[in-house]
């Protein structure tokens, strides 16, 4: 199909051009992300700094994630072949597929942050959760005037068949365990955001012991998602960059001074079957 996975022929700069073309962010498209230039004053692709404090007092972690693929991962994947079947060049199809995969990886980190906020002692008692036992109850919530400030709704894939788009809000589906039916409503610019980057975002490695040499594509990204009104304290974090489990740990999140929890543009709906 291509010599893309031949390590000594891999062109990282050329692949980066394709990644930028296909690297869309659904959270940005629906207005949830606000690109914050102050974040770039603290972080850059060439520094390994993993934490900083903004002028408003919010503690900010850099979220670093990496994934690897071999050629068989694409050959055996129907989604990749659907992209390739649309006459998109092979390298662009790889960029499209890996970009979507990394977007899903970071969506899991965003969900972990939301869980961490709701697990925090500052937010546990805030009136920011509704419980429904009938999926049709979402229609009532979406039509309530007090929820007009929310621009996006994050919904587990398990509820996709029961979901409809209400009141022109963007609906974003995310992966969740079967017993997790948490729906999150987010306001415009809820997250300050920065795509920090890395020194080597794309690299092709070679395993000489497998079938005479097999190439592996490595993709590395570093990003910041800073929720409105909340500071990441790093109280329970072992390494330089937080895991999703640590982002979901309520002990790592606290309200910054002067912020009322009820004023934060976020709401959760728990669907109890």
Protein backbone atom coordinates (compact mmCIF):
# COMPACT_ATOMS: atom_id res chain seq x y z
CA UNK A 1 0.00 0.00 0.00
CA UNK A 2 2.74 2.45 0.94
CA UNK A 3 6.26 2.71 2.31
CA UNK A 4 4.94 5.03 5.03
CA UNK A 5 5.92 2.54 7.75
CA UNK A 6 9.49 2.22 6.48
CA UNK A 7 11.33 4.04 9.25
CA UNK A 8 14.11 5.57 7.16
CA UNK A 9 11.57 7.01 4.69
CA UNK A 10 9.23 8.55 7.28
CA UNK A 11 8.88 12.32 6.90
CA UNK A 12 7.65 13.74 10.23
CA UNK A 13 7.23 17.27 8.84
CA UNK A 14 5.09 16.07 5.96
CA UNK A 15 2.97 13.94 8.28
CA UNK A 16 2.52 16.95 10.58
CA UNK A 17 0.99 18.91 7.69
CA UNK A 18 -1.57 16.15 7.19
CA UNK A 19 -2.28 15.93 10.93
CA UNK A 20 -2.97 19.67 11.13
CA UNK A 21 -5.36 19.34 8.21
CA UNK A 22 -7.37 16.59 9.88
CA UNK A 23 -6.91 17.38 13.57
CA UNK A 24 -10.31 18.84 14.38
CA UNK A 25 -11.53 19.17 17.95
CA UNK A 26 -15.24 18.71 18.55
CA UNK A 27 -15.06 20.62 21.84
CA UNK A 28 -13.58 23.60 20.04
CA UNK A 29 -16.16 23.40 17.27
CA UNK A 30 -19.03 23.72 19.75
CA UNK A 31 -17.47 26.64 21.66
CA UNK A 32 -16.47 24.84 24.87
CA UNK A 33 -12.75 25.65 24.48
CA UNK A 34 -11.18 29.09 24.85
CA UNK A 35 -7.61 29.33 23.56
CA UNK A 36 -5.68 31.03 26.35
CA UNK A 37 -2.40 32.70 25.36
CA UNK A 38 -1.25 32.84 29.00
CA UNK A 39 -0.79 29.08 28.94
CA UNK A 40 1.93 29.46 26.30
CA UNK A 41 3.79 31.81 28.65
CA UNK A 42 4.30 28.84 30.98
CA UNK A 43 4.55 25.89 28.59
CA UNK A 44 6.20 25.20 25.25
CA UNK A 45 7.07 22.14 23.13
CA UNK A 46 10.74 22.37 24.15
CA UNK A 47 10.25 22.43 27.93
CA UNK A 48 9.21 19.54 30.12
CA UNK A 49 7.34 21.67 32.63
CA UNK A 50 4.19 19.89 33.71
CA UNK A 51 2.47 22.36 36.05
CA UNK A 52 1.98 26.10 36.48
CA UNK A 53 -0.26 28.62 38.25
CA UNK A 54 -2.16 31.21 36.22
CA UNK A 55 -2.62 34.84 37.22
CA UNK A 56 -6.17 34.11 38.41
CA UNK A 57 -4.88 31.44 40.81
CA UNK A 58 -5.78 28.34 38.85
CA UNK A 59 -3.30 25.48 39.00
CA UNK A 60 -2.81 23.97 35.56
CA UNK A 61 -1.49 20.51 34.67
CA UNK A 62 -0.13 19.61 31.27
CA UNK A 63 -1.85 16.45 30.05
CA UNK A 64 0.62 14.38 28.04
CA UNK A 65 -0.61 11.41 26.06
CA UNK A 66 1.07 9.09 23.55
CA UNK A 67 -0.10 6.20 21.41
CA UNK A 68 1.53 3.82 18.94
CA UNK A 69 0.26 2.00 15.84
CA UNK A 70 1.72 -0.59 13.50
CA UNK A 71 0.58 -0.99 9.90
CA UNK A 72 -1.67 -3.93 10.78
CA UNK A 73 -3.70 -1.66 13.04
CA UNK A 74 -4.83 0.25 9.96
CA UNK A 75 -5.08 -2.69 7.55
CA UNK A 76 -7.47 -4.51 9.91
CA UNK A 77 -9.59 -1.45 10.80
CA UNK A 78 -12.88 -0.86 8.89
CA UNK A 79 -12.99 2.83 9.89
CA UNK A 80 -9.60 3.43 8.34
CA UNK A 81 -10.62 1.69 5.15
CA UNK A 82 -13.81 3.73 4.99
CA UNK A 83 -11.64 6.85 5.01
CA UNK A 84 -9.24 5.36 2.47
CA UNK A 85 -12.17 4.31 0.25
CA UNK A 86 -13.14 7.99 -0.10
CA UNK A 87 -10.02 8.36 -2.26
CA UNK A 88 -8.11 10.16 0.45
CA UNK A 89 -4.38 9.48 -0.01
CA UNK A 90 -2.96 6.78 2.26
CA UNK A 91 -0.89 9.12 4.45
CA UNK A 92 -3.79 11.53 4.85
CA UNK A 93 -6.07 8.65 5.79
CA UNK A 94 -3.59 7.63 8.49
CA UNK A 95 -3.46 11.22 9.75
CA UNK A 96 -7.26 11.42 9.81
CA UNK A 97 -7.58 8.14 11.70
CA UNK A 98 -4.83 8.83 14.25
CA UNK A 99 -6.14 12.35 14.77
CA UNK A 100 -9.58 11.00 15.62
CA UNK A 101 -8.04 8.40 17.91
CA UNK A 102 -6.06 11.04 19.82
CA UNK A 103 -9.17 13.19 20.05
CA UNK A 104 -10.91 10.26 21.76
CA UNK A 105 -7.94 9.84 24.11
CA UNK A 106 -8.21 13.46 25.23
CA UNK A 107 -11.98 13.25 25.51
CA UNK A 108 -11.39 10.62 28.19
CA UNK A 109 -9.14 13.11 30.00
CA UNK A 110 -11.82 15.80 29.75
CA UNK A 111 -14.40 13.41 31.23
CA UNK A 112 -11.90 12.57 34.00
CA UNK A 113 -11.57 16.29 34.80
CA UNK A 114 -15.36 16.63 35.03
CA UNK A 115 -15.50 13.62 37.34
CA UNK A 116 -12.72 15.13 39.46
CA UNK A 117 -14.66 18.37 39.81
CA UNK A 118 -17.78 16.52 40.93
CA UNK A 119 -15.72 14.39 43.31
CA UNK A 120 -14.13 17.45 44.93
CA UNK A 121 -15.22 18.56 48.38
CA UNK A 122 -15.96 22.05 47.04
CA UNK A 123 -18.46 20.80 44.49
CA UNK A 124 -19.98 17.70 46.04
CA UNK A 125 -22.85 19.61 47.64
CA UNK A 126 -23.42 22.15 44.88
CA UNK A 127 -26.85 22.07 43.25
CA UNK A 128 -25.44 21.09 39.87
CA UNK A 129 -26.86 17.58 39.43
CA UNK A 130 -30.23 16.24 38.28
CA UNK A 131 -31.28 12.60 38.57
CA UNK A 132 -33.68 11.12 36.04
CA UNK A 133 -35.13 7.62 35.75
CA UNK A 134 -36.64 8.06 32.30
CA UNK A 135 -34.50 9.08 29.32
CA UNK A 136 -37.36 11.33 28.17
CA UNK A 137 -36.66 13.43 31.25
CA UNK A 138 -33.71 14.89 29.39
CA UNK A 139 -36.18 16.68 27.10
CA UNK A 140 -37.59 18.55 30.11
CA UNK A 141 -34.12 19.52 31.27
CA UNK A 142 -33.08 20.72 27.83
CA UNK A 143 -36.20 22.87 27.50
CA UNK A 144 -35.78 24.50 30.92
CA UNK A 145 -34.87 28.19 30.58
CA UNK A 146 -32.23 27.98 33.33
CA UNK A 147 -30.12 25.72 31.12
CA UNK A 148 -29.96 28.15 28.21
CA UNK A 149 -26.34 29.04 29.05
CA UNK A 150 -25.10 25.57 28.14
CA UNK A 151 -23.74 25.11 24.65
CA UNK A 152 -22.71 21.43 24.59
CA UNK A 153 -23.89 18.14 26.03
CA UNK A 154 -21.52 15.20 26.59
CA UNK A 155 -23.36 11.89 26.42
CA UNK A 156 -22.11 8.28 26.87
CA UNK A 157 -22.29 6.13 23.75
CA UNK A 158 -24.56 3.76 25.68
CA UNK A 159 -27.31 6.39 25.52
CA UNK A 160 -26.79 7.30 21.87
CA UNK A 161 -29.84 5.37 20.63
CA UNK A 162 -32.11 7.27 23.04
CA UNK A 163 -30.66 10.72 22.39
CA UNK A 164 -31.87 13.57 20.23
CA UNK A 165 -30.48 17.06 19.70
CA UNK A 166 -32.43 19.49 21.87
CA UNK A 167 -32.56 23.28 21.58
CA UNK A 168 -29.71 23.45 19.05
CA UNK A 169 -27.06 22.29 21.50
CA UNK A 170 -24.10 20.28 20.26
CA UNK A 171 -24.17 16.67 21.38
CA UNK A 172 -20.81 14.92 21.82
CA UNK A 173 -20.66 11.21 22.54
CA UNK A 174 -17.92 9.70 24.67
CA UNK A 175 -16.82 6.23 25.76
CA UNK A 176 -17.82 5.21 29.27
CA UNK A 177 -18.25 2.01 31.28
CA UNK A 178 -21.68 0.40 30.90
CA UNK A 179 -22.69 1.49 34.41
CA UNK A 180 -21.69 5.13 33.87
CA UNK A 181 -24.60 7.15 32.48
CA UNK A 182 -23.37 10.62 33.43
CA UNK A 183 -24.43 13.38 31.04
CA UNK A 184 -22.53 16.66 31.28
CA UNK A 185 -23.75 20.07 30.13
CA UNK A 186 -21.01 22.64 29.51
CA UNK A 187 -21.16 26.38 28.95
CA UNK A 188 -19.34 28.40 26.31
CA UNK A 189 -15.59 28.70 26.95
CA UNK A 190 -15.84 26.44 29.99
CA UNK A 191 -12.26 25.25 29.42
CA UNK A 192 -9.28 27.45 28.77
CA UNK A 193 -7.23 25.46 26.32
CA UNK A 194 -3.80 25.16 24.75
CA UNK A 195 -2.20 22.65 22.41
CA UNK A 196 1.32 22.76 23.84
CA UNK A 197 2.98 20.24 21.55
CA UNK A 198 6.19 18.23 21.95
CA UNK A 199 9.68 18.21 20.51
CA UNK A 200 8.97 14.99 18.59
CA UNK A 201 5.21 14.67 18.09
CA UNK A 202 5.60 11.99 15.41
CA UNK A 203 8.22 9.30 15.10
CA UNK A 204 8.62 6.02 13.27
CA UNK A 205 10.40 3.26 15.17
CA UNK A 206 11.53 -0.09 13.81
CA UNK A 207 11.47 -3.52 15.40
CA UNK A 208 14.07 -5.58 13.51
CA UNK A 209 12.99 -8.83 15.20
CA UNK A 210 9.50 -8.92 13.66
CA UNK A 211 9.13 -10.19 10.08
CA UNK A 212 12.42 -8.68 9.01
CA UNK A 213 11.57 -5.29 10.51
CA UNK A 214 8.26 -3.69 11.38
CA UNK A 215 7.64 0.05 11.65
CA UNK A 216 5.69 1.57 14.53
CA UNK A 217 4.18 5.05 14.36
CA UNK A 218 4.40 6.97 17.66
CA UNK A 219 2.19 10.03 18.22
CA UNK A 220 2.76 12.27 21.23
CA UNK A 221 0.68 15.28 22.31
CA UNK A 222 0.64 17.66 25.28
CA UNK A 223 -2.43 19.79 25.99
CA UNK A 224 -4.05 21.88 28.71
CA UNK A 225 -7.74 21.89 29.65
CA UNK A 226 -8.37 24.39 32.46
CA UNK A 227 -11.94 24.37 33.82
CA UNK A 228 -13.52 27.67 34.79
CA UNK A 229 -13.26 28.44 38.51
CA UNK A 230 -11.29 25.34 39.47
CA UNK A 231 -7.63 24.85 40.32
CA UNK A 232 -5.74 21.58 39.96
CA UNK A 233 -3.74 21.19 43.18
CA UNK A 234 -1.56 18.18 42.26
CA UNK A 235 -2.18 16.93 45.82
CA UNK A 236 -2.29 13.30 44.72
CA UNK A 237 -0.11 12.95 41.63
CA UNK A 238 2.89 10.65 41.38
CA UNK A 239 4.64 11.56 38.14
CA UNK A 240 5.24 14.71 36.07
CA UNK A 241 1.97 14.46 34.13
CA UNK A 242 -1.38 13.36 35.60
CA UNK A 243 -3.14 10.16 34.60
CA UNK A 244 -6.88 10.13 33.93
CA UNK A 245 -7.34 8.45 37.31
CA UNK A 246 -5.55 11.34 39.00
CA UNK A 247 -7.58 13.89 37.03
CA UNK A 248 -10.74 12.16 38.32
CA UNK A 249 -9.50 12.33 41.92
CA UNK A 250 -11.50 15.01 43.75
CA UNK A 251 -8.63 15.70 46.16
CA UNK A 252 -6.74 17.25 43.23
CA UNK A 253 -9.35 19.96 42.59
CA UNK A 254 -10.42 23.03 44.53
CA UNK A 255 -12.40 26.20 43.83
CA UNK A 256 -10.31 29.32 43.42
CA UNK A 257 -11.03 32.23 45.76
CA UNK A 258 -14.04 34.36 44.93
CA UNK A 259 -15.85 31.73 42.83
CA UNK A 260 -19.29 30.47 43.79
CA UNK A 261 -19.77 26.82 42.79
CA UNK A 262 -23.32 27.49 41.62
CA UNK A 263 -22.04 30.09 39.13
CA UNK A 264 -19.85 27.60 37.26
CA UNK A 265 -21.39 26.81 33.82
CA UNK A 266 -21.54 23.06 34.23
CA UNK A 267 -24.33 20.65 35.05
CA UNK A 268 -24.59 16.89 35.38
CA UNK A 269 -27.53 14.59 34.69
CA UNK A 270 -27.45 11.11 36.17
CA UNK A 271 -29.64 8.67 34.30
CA UNK A 272 -30.57 5.87 36.70
CA UNK A 273 -32.06 2.92 34.88
